[in-house]
PDB file of N, CA and C in Angstrom:
ATOM      1  N   UNK A   1      75.052  94.992 156.979  1.00  0.00           N
ATOM      2  CA  UNK A   1      76.245  94.362 157.335  1.00  0.00           C
ATOM      3  C   UNK A   1      76.755  93.595 156.327  1.00  0.00           C
ATOM      4  N   UNK A   2      75.683  92.860 155.664  1.00  0.00           N
ATOM      5  CA  UNK A   2      76.242  92.342 154.516  1.00  0.00           C
ATOM      6  C   UNK A   2      76.674  92.973 153.340  1.00  0.00           C
ATOM      7  N   UNK A   3      76.073  93.937 153.071  1.00  0.00           N
ATOM      8  CA  UNK A   3      76.412  94.604 151.923  1.00  0.00           C
ATOM      9  C   UNK A   3      77.818  95.422 151.982  1.00  0.00           C
ATOM     10  N   UNK A   4      78.156  95.777 153.279  1.00  0.00           N
ATOM     11  CA  UNK A   4      79.777  96.109 153.513  1.00  0.00           C
ATOM     12  C   UNK A   4      80.721  95.293 153.346  1.00  0.00           C
ATOM     13  N   UNK A   5      80.270  93.977 153.638  1.00  0.00           N
ATOM     14  CA  UNK A   5      81.221  92.548 153.400  1.00  0.00           C
ATOM     15  C   UNK A   5      81.460  92.146 151.823  1.00  0.00           C
ATOM     16  N   UNK A   6      80.358  92.575 151.160  1.00  0.00           N
ATOM     17  CA  UNK A   6      80.307  92.514 149.761  1.00  0.00           C
ATOM     18  C   UNK A   6      81.054  93.576 149.025  1.00  0.00           C
ATOM     19  N   UNK A   7      81.374  94.646 149.668  1.00  0.00           N
ATOM     20  CA  UNK A   7      81.963  95.893 148.852  1.00  0.00           C
ATOM     21  C   UNK A   7      83.562  95.669 149.449  1.00  0.00           C
ATOM     22  N   UNK A   8      83.656  95.041 150.542  1.00  0.00           N
ATOM     23  CA  UNK A   8      85.146  94.820 150.864  1.00  0.00           C
ATOM     24  C   UNK A   8      85.705  93.587 150.016  1.00  0.00           C
ATOM     25  N   UNK A   9      85.002  92.544 149.418  1.00  0.00           N
ATOM     26  CA  UNK A   9      85.485  91.449 148.560  1.00  0.00           C
ATOM     27  C   UNK A   9      85.606  91.693 147.220  1.00  0.00           C
ATOM     28  N   UNK A  10      85.105  92.976 146.741  1.00  0.00           N
ATOM     29  CA  UNK A  10      85.479  93.286 145.424  1.00  0.00           C
ATOM     30  C   UNK A  10      86.755  93.902 145.444  1.00  0.00           C
ATOM     31  N   UNK A  11      87.478  93.537 144.069  1.00  0.00           N
ATOM     32  CA  UNK A  11      88.860  94.348 144.151  1.00  0.00           C
ATOM     33  C   UNK A  11      88.753  95.815 143.700  1.00  0.00           C
ATOM     34  N   UNK A  12      89.544  96.672 144.444  1.00  0.00           N
ATOM     35  CA  UNK A  12      89.489  98.168 144.146  1.00  0.00           C
ATOM     36  C   UNK A  12      90.029  98.399 142.538  1.00  0.00           C
ATOM     37  N   UNK A  13      89.949  99.660 142.231  1.00  0.00           N
ATOM     38  CA  UNK A  13      90.474 100.175 141.008  1.00  0.00           C
ATOM     39  C   UNK A  13      92.044  99.658 140.673  1.00  0.00           C
ATOM     40  N   UNK A  14      92.674 100.059 141.869  1.00  0.00           N
ATOM     41  CA  UNK A  14      93.968  99.726 141.702  1.00  0.00           C
ATOM     42  C   UNK A  14      94.503  98.408 141.569  1.00  0.00           C
ATOM     43  N   UNK A  15      93.796  97.632 142.671  1.00  0.00           N
ATOM     44  CA  UNK A  15      94.145  95.973 142.749  1.00  0.00           C
ATOM     45  C   UNK A  15      93.656  95.686 141.079  1.00  0.00           C
ATOM     46  N   UNK A  16      92.554  96.087 140.452  1.00  0.00           N
ATOM     47  CA  UNK A  16      92.179  95.537 139.112  1.00  0.00           C
ATOM     48  C   UNK A  16      93.386  95.818 137.947  1.00  0.00           C
ATOM     49  N   UNK A  17      93.825  96.906 138.183  1.00  0.00           N
ATOM     50  CA  UNK A  17      94.698  97.498 137.403  1.00  0.00           C
ATOM     51  C   UNK A  17      96.032  96.664 137.562  1.00  0.00           C
ATOM     52  N   UNK A  18      96.466  96.582 138.701  1.00  0.00           N
ATOM     53  CA  UNK A  18      97.526  95.665 139.285  1.00  0.00           C
ATOM     54  C   UNK A  18      97.404  94.244 138.635  1.00  0.00           C
ATOM     55  N   UNK A  19      96.242  93.719 138.668  1.00  0.00           N
ATOM     56  CA  UNK A  19      96.020  92.159 137.922  1.00  0.00           C
ATOM     57  C   UNK A  19      96.237  92.648 136.579  1.00  0.00           C
ATOM     58  N   UNK A  20      95.466  93.568 135.954  1.00  0.00           N
ATOM     59  CA  UNK A  20      95.834  93.568 134.443  1.00  0.00           C
ATOM     60  C   UNK A  20      97.297  93.699 134.013  1.00  0.00           C
ATOM     61  N   UNK A  21      97.995  94.476 134.641  1.00  0.00           N
ATOM     62  CA  UNK A  21      99.303  94.599 134.595  1.00  0.00           C
ATOM     63  C   UNK A  21      99.961  93.126 134.707  1.00  0.00           C
ATOM     64  N   UNK A  22      99.728  92.627 135.826  1.00  0.00           N
ATOM     65  CA  UNK A  22     100.179  91.161 135.956  1.00  0.00           C
ATOM     66  C   UNK A  22      99.836  90.128 134.663  1.00  0.00           C
ATOM     67  N   UNK A  23      98.745  90.398 134.536  1.00  0.00           N
ATOM     68  CA  UNK A  23      98.044  89.318 133.351  1.00  0.00           C
ATOM     69  C   UNK A  23      99.107  89.480 131.870  1.00  0.00           C
ATOM     70  N   UNK A  24      99.145  90.761 131.707  1.00  0.00           N
ATOM     71  CA  UNK A  24      99.856  91.603 130.468  1.00  0.00           C
ATOM     72  C   UNK A  24     101.379  91.185 130.458  1.00  0.00           C
ATOM     73  N   UNK A  25     101.970  91.405 131.683  1.00  0.00           N
ATOM     74  CA  UNK A  25     103.411  90.676 132.022  1.00  0.00           C
ATOM     75  C   UNK A  25     103.449  89.304 132.012  1.00  0.00           C
ATOM     76  N   UNK A  26     102.578  88.574 132.580  1.00  0.00           N
ATOM     77  CA  UNK A  26     102.743  86.953 132.409  1.00  0.00           C
ATOM     78  C   UNK A  26     102.688  86.676 130.905  1.00  0.00           C
ATOM     79  N   UNK A  27     101.652  87.321 130.077  1.00  0.00           N
ATOM     80  CA  UNK A  27     101.524  86.906 128.818  1.00  0.00           C
ATOM     81  C   UNK A  27     102.850  87.302 127.797  1.00  0.00           C
ATOM     82  N   UNK A  28     103.522  88.235 128.134  1.00  0.00           N
ATOM     83  CA  UNK A  28     104.608  88.920 127.552  1.00  0.00           C
ATOM     84  C   UNK A  28     105.858  88.202 127.954  1.00  0.00           C
ATOM     85  N   UNK A  29     105.776  87.625 129.127  1.00  0.00           N
ATOM     86  CA  UNK A  29     106.897  86.488 129.448  1.00  0.00           C
ATOM     87  C   UNK A  29     106.748  85.160 128.843  1.00  0.00           C
ATOM     88  N   UNK A  30     105.527  84.592 128.845  1.00  0.00           N
ATOM     89  CA  UNK A  30     105.135  83.407 128.218  1.00  0.00           C
ATOM     90  C   UNK A  30     105.649  83.246 126.580  1.00  0.00           C
ATOM     91  N   UNK A  31     105.100  84.809 126.028  1.00  0.00           N
ATOM     92  CA  UNK A  31     105.522  84.757 124.518  1.00  0.00           C
ATOM     93  C   UNK A  31     107.040  84.690 124.417  1.00  0.00           C
ATOM     94  N   UNK A  32     107.816  85.285 125.039  1.00  0.00           N
ATOM     95  CA  UNK A  32     109.180  85.233 124.872  1.00  0.00           C
ATOM     96  C   UNK A  32     110.150  83.985 125.336  1.00  0.00           C
ATOM     97  N   UNK A  33     108.981  83.250 126.358  1.00  0.00           N
ATOM     98  CA  UNK A  33     109.693  81.901 126.376  1.00  0.00           C
ATOM     99  C   UNK A  33     109.515  80.994 125.271  1.00  0.00           C
ATOM    100  N   UNK A  34     108.203  81.340 124.538  1.00  0.00           N
ATOM    101  CA  UNK A  34     107.975  80.296 123.677  1.00  0.00           C
ATOM    102  C   UNK A  34     108.947  80.773 122.249  1.00  0.00           C
ATOM    103  N   UNK A  35     109.215  81.838 121.865  1.00  0.00           N
ATOM    104  CA  UNK A  35     109.900  82.463 121.069  1.00  0.00           C
ATOM    105  C   UNK A  35     111.427  81.869 121.099  1.00  0.00           C
ATOM    106  N   UNK A  36     111.664  81.982 122.504  1.00  0.00           N
ATOM    107  CA  UNK A  36     113.173  81.486 122.600  1.00  0.00           C
ATOM    108  C   UNK A  36     113.169  80.159 122.437  1.00  0.00           C
ATOM    109  N   UNK A  37     111.946  79.490 122.734  1.00  0.00           N
ATOM    110  CA  UNK A  37     111.974  77.940 122.892  1.00  0.00           C
ATOM    111  C   UNK A  37     112.293  77.576 121.147  1.00  0.00           C
ATOM    112  N   UNK A  38     111.580  78.263 120.391  1.00  0.00           N
ATOM    113  CA  UNK A  38     111.286  78.013 119.315  1.00  0.00           C
ATOM    114  C   UNK A  38     112.802  78.279 118.336  1.00  0.00           C
ATOM    115  N   UNK A  39     113.372  79.182 118.950  1.00  0.00           N
ATOM    116  CA  UNK A  39     114.733  79.698 118.264  1.00  0.00           C
ATOM    117  C   UNK A  39     115.380  78.854 118.598  1.00  0.00           C
ATOM    118  N   UNK A  40     115.652  78.112 119.772  1.00  0.00           N
ATOM    119  CA  UNK A  40     116.609  77.027 120.053  1.00  0.00           C
ATOM    120  C   UNK A  40     116.181  75.876 119.507  1.00  0.00           C
ATOM    121  N   UNK A  41     115.186  75.747 119.107  1.00  0.00           N
ATOM    122  CA  UNK A  41     114.906  74.222 118.368  1.00  0.00           C
ATOM    123  C   UNK A  41     115.350  74.321 117.066  1.00  0.00           C
ATOM    124  N   UNK A  42     115.416  75.370 116.284  1.00  0.00           N
ATOM    125  CA  UNK A  42     115.955  75.977 115.147  1.00  0.00           C
ATOM    126  C   UNK A  42     117.290  75.494 114.979  1.00  0.00           C
ATOM    127  N   UNK A  43     118.061  76.184 116.053  1.00  0.00           N
ATOM    128  CA  UNK A  43     119.221  76.089 116.161  1.00  0.00           C
ATOM    129  C   UNK A  43     119.845  74.999 116.208  1.00  0.00           C
ATOM    130  N   UNK A  44     119.068  74.064 117.278  1.00  0.00           N
ATOM    131  CA  UNK A  44     119.448  72.463 117.352  1.00  0.00           C
ATOM    132  C   UNK A  44     119.194  71.594 115.939  1.00  0.00           C
ATOM    133  N   UNK A  45     117.868  71.921 114.938  1.00  0.00           N
ATOM    134  CA  UNK A  45     118.002  71.625 113.882  1.00  0.00           C
ATOM    135  C   UNK A  45     119.210  71.453 112.942  1.00  0.00           C
ATOM    136  N   UNK A  46     119.497  72.899 112.978  1.00  0.00           N
ATOM    137  CA  UNK A  46     120.614  73.581 111.771  1.00  0.00           C
ATOM    138  C   UNK A  46     122.016  72.717 112.511  1.00  0.00           C
ATOM    139  N   UNK A  47     122.234  72.406 113.789  1.00  0.00           N
ATOM    140  CA  UNK A  47     123.338  72.036 114.135  1.00  0.00           C
ATOM    141  C   UNK A  47     123.189  70.276 113.812  1.00  0.00           C
ATOM    142  N   UNK A  48     122.238  69.816 113.972  1.00  0.00           N
ATOM    143  CA  UNK A  48     121.794  68.206 113.893  1.00  0.00           C
ATOM    144  C   UNK A  48     122.219  68.077 112.180  1.00  0.00           C
ATOM    145  N   UNK A  49     121.739  69.089 111.110  1.00  0.00           N
ATOM    146  CA  UNK A  49     122.018  68.959 109.798  1.00  0.00           C
ATOM    147  C   UNK A  49     123.600  69.448 109.640  1.00  0.00           C
ATOM    148  N   UNK A  50     124.258  70.059 110.247  1.00  0.00           N
ATOM    149  CA  UNK A  50     125.707  70.183 109.864  1.00  0.00           C
ATOM    150  C   UNK A  50     126.587  69.339 110.233  1.00  0.00           C
ATOM    151  N   UNK A  51     126.125  68.598 111.469  1.00  0.00           N
ATOM    152  CA  UNK A  51     126.752  67.552 111.860  1.00  0.00           C
ATOM    153  C   UNK A  51     126.944  66.222 111.088  1.00  0.00           C
ATOM    154  N   UNK A  52     125.242  66.164 110.286  1.00  0.00           N
ATOM    155  CA  UNK A  52     125.247  65.020 109.695  1.00  0.00           C
ATOM    156  C   UNK A  52     125.476  65.202 108.085  1.00  0.00           C
ATOM    157  N   UNK A  53     126.160  66.302 107.966  1.00  0.00           N
ATOM    158  CA  UNK A  53     126.847  66.558 106.269  1.00  0.00           C
ATOM    159  C   UNK A  53     128.118  66.378 106.465  1.00  0.00           C
ATOM    160  N   UNK A  54     128.855  65.911 107.157  1.00  0.00           N
ATOM    161  CA  UNK A  54     130.397  65.376 107.157  1.00  0.00           C
ATOM    162  C   UNK A  54     130.615  64.979 105.909  1.00  0.00           C
ATOM    163  N   UNK A  55     131.910  65.599 105.377  1.00  0.00           N
ATOM    164  CA  UNK A  55     132.362  65.269 104.142  1.00  0.00           C
ATOM    165  C   UNK A  55     133.115  63.810 104.336  1.00  0.00           C
ATOM    166  N   UNK A  56     133.136  63.350 103.659  1.00  0.00           N
ATOM    167  CA  UNK A  56     133.902  61.967 103.470  1.00  0.00           C
ATOM    168  C   UNK A  56     135.075  62.141 102.774  1.00  0.00           C
ATOM    169  N   UNK A  57     136.286  62.268 103.445  1.00  0.00           N
ATOM    170  CA  UNK A  57     137.708  62.625 103.287  1.00  0.00           C
ATOM    171  C   UNK A  57     138.153  61.654 101.841  1.00  0.00           C
ATOM    172  N   UNK A  58     137.642  60.737 101.636  1.00  0.00           N
ATOM    173  CA  UNK A  58     137.895  59.863 100.752  1.00  0.00           C
ATOM    174  C   UNK A  58     137.183  60.470  99.158  1.00  0.00           C
ATOM    175  N   UNK A  59     136.254  61.232  99.333  1.00  0.00           N
ATOM    176  CA  UNK A  59     135.398  61.511  98.313  1.00  0.00           C
ATOM    177  C   UNK A  59     136.484  62.618  97.604  1.00  0.00           C
ATOM    178  N   UNK A  60     137.080  63.346  98.018  1.00  0.00           N
ATOM    179  CA  UNK A  60     137.878  64.252  97.358  1.00  0.00           C
ATOM    180  C   UNK A  60     138.927  63.601  96.569  1.00  0.00           C
ATOM    181  N   UNK A  61     139.747  62.306  97.130  1.00  0.00           N
ATOM    182  CA  UNK A  61     140.642  61.678  96.445  1.00  0.00           C
ATOM    183  C   UNK A  61     139.963  60.986  95.260  1.00  0.00           C
ATOM    184  N   UNK A  62     138.681  60.442  95.574  1.00  0.00           N
ATOM    185  CA  UNK A  62     137.889  60.191  94.470  1.00  0.00           C
ATOM    186  C   UNK A  62     137.759  60.738  93.033  1.00  0.00           C
ATOM    187  N   UNK A  63     137.257  61.881  93.521  1.00  0.00           N
ATOM    188  CA  UNK A  63     136.971  63.188  92.381  1.00  0.00           C
ATOM    189  C   UNK A  63     138.131  63.735  91.671  1.00  0.00           C
ATOM    190  N   UNK A  64     139.454  63.707  92.862  1.00  0.00           N
ATOM    191  CA  UNK A  64     140.629  63.774  91.844  1.00  0.00           C
ATOM    192  C   UNK A  64     141.168  63.014  90.932  1.00  0.00           C
ATOM    193  N   UNK A  65     140.812  61.675  91.441  1.00  0.00           N
ATOM    194  CA  UNK A  65     141.185  60.392  90.521  1.00  0.00           C
ATOM    195  C   UNK A  65     140.350  60.307  89.003  1.00  0.00           C
ATOM    196  N   UNK A  66     139.174  60.876  89.496  1.00  0.00           N
ATOM    197  CA  UNK A  66     138.332  60.745  88.171  1.00  0.00           C
ATOM    198  C   UNK A  66     138.762  61.951  87.133  1.00  0.00           C
ATOM    199  N   UNK A  67     139.424  63.051  87.731  1.00  0.00           N
ATOM    200  CA  UNK A  67     139.667  64.327  86.870  1.00  0.00           C
ATOM    201  C   UNK A  67     141.481  63.763  86.398  1.00  0.00           C
ATOM    202  N   UNK A  68     141.960  62.784  86.748  1.00  0.00           N
ATOM    203  CA  UNK A  68     143.170  62.619  86.043  1.00  0.00           C
ATOM    204  C   UNK A  68     144.207  63.448  86.811  1.00  0.00           C
ATOM    205  N   UNK A  69     143.976  63.927  88.247  1.00  0.00           N
ATOM    206  CA  UNK A  69     144.988  64.594  88.955  1.00  0.00           C
ATOM    207  C   UNK A  69     145.601  63.488  89.746  1.00  0.00           C
ATOM    208  N   UNK A  70     147.237  63.465  90.282  1.00  0.00           N
ATOM    209  CA  UNK A  70     147.308  62.363  91.031  1.00  0.00           C
ATOM    210  C   UNK A  70     147.231  62.619  92.497  1.00  0.00           C
ATOM    211  N   UNK A  71     147.209  61.748  93.247  1.00  0.00           N
ATOM    212  CA  UNK A  71     146.800  61.967  94.604  1.00  0.00           C
ATOM    213  C   UNK A  71     147.758  62.895  95.357  1.00  0.00           C
ATOM    214  N   UNK A  72     147.461  63.122  96.332  1.00  0.00           N
ATOM    215  CA  UNK A  72     148.423  64.007  97.099  1.00  0.00           C
ATOM    216  C   UNK A  72     149.641  63.420  97.880  1.00  0.00           C
TER     217      UNK A  72
END
């Protein structure tokens, strides 16, 4: 009777394959989540950099004055 209980406790071939598919699917989804998080971080860094590079409107006037061009 003990050996029969042990056979019932072991996963069948179908169950093992389903577990394998579940593990591969989980790894695939985790990889996609990590890749999306990386792309989001890069996009946020680019956005911060663009926002930090706002041009000073007086800089154009200053450069025009240095070139001898009258102001607007």
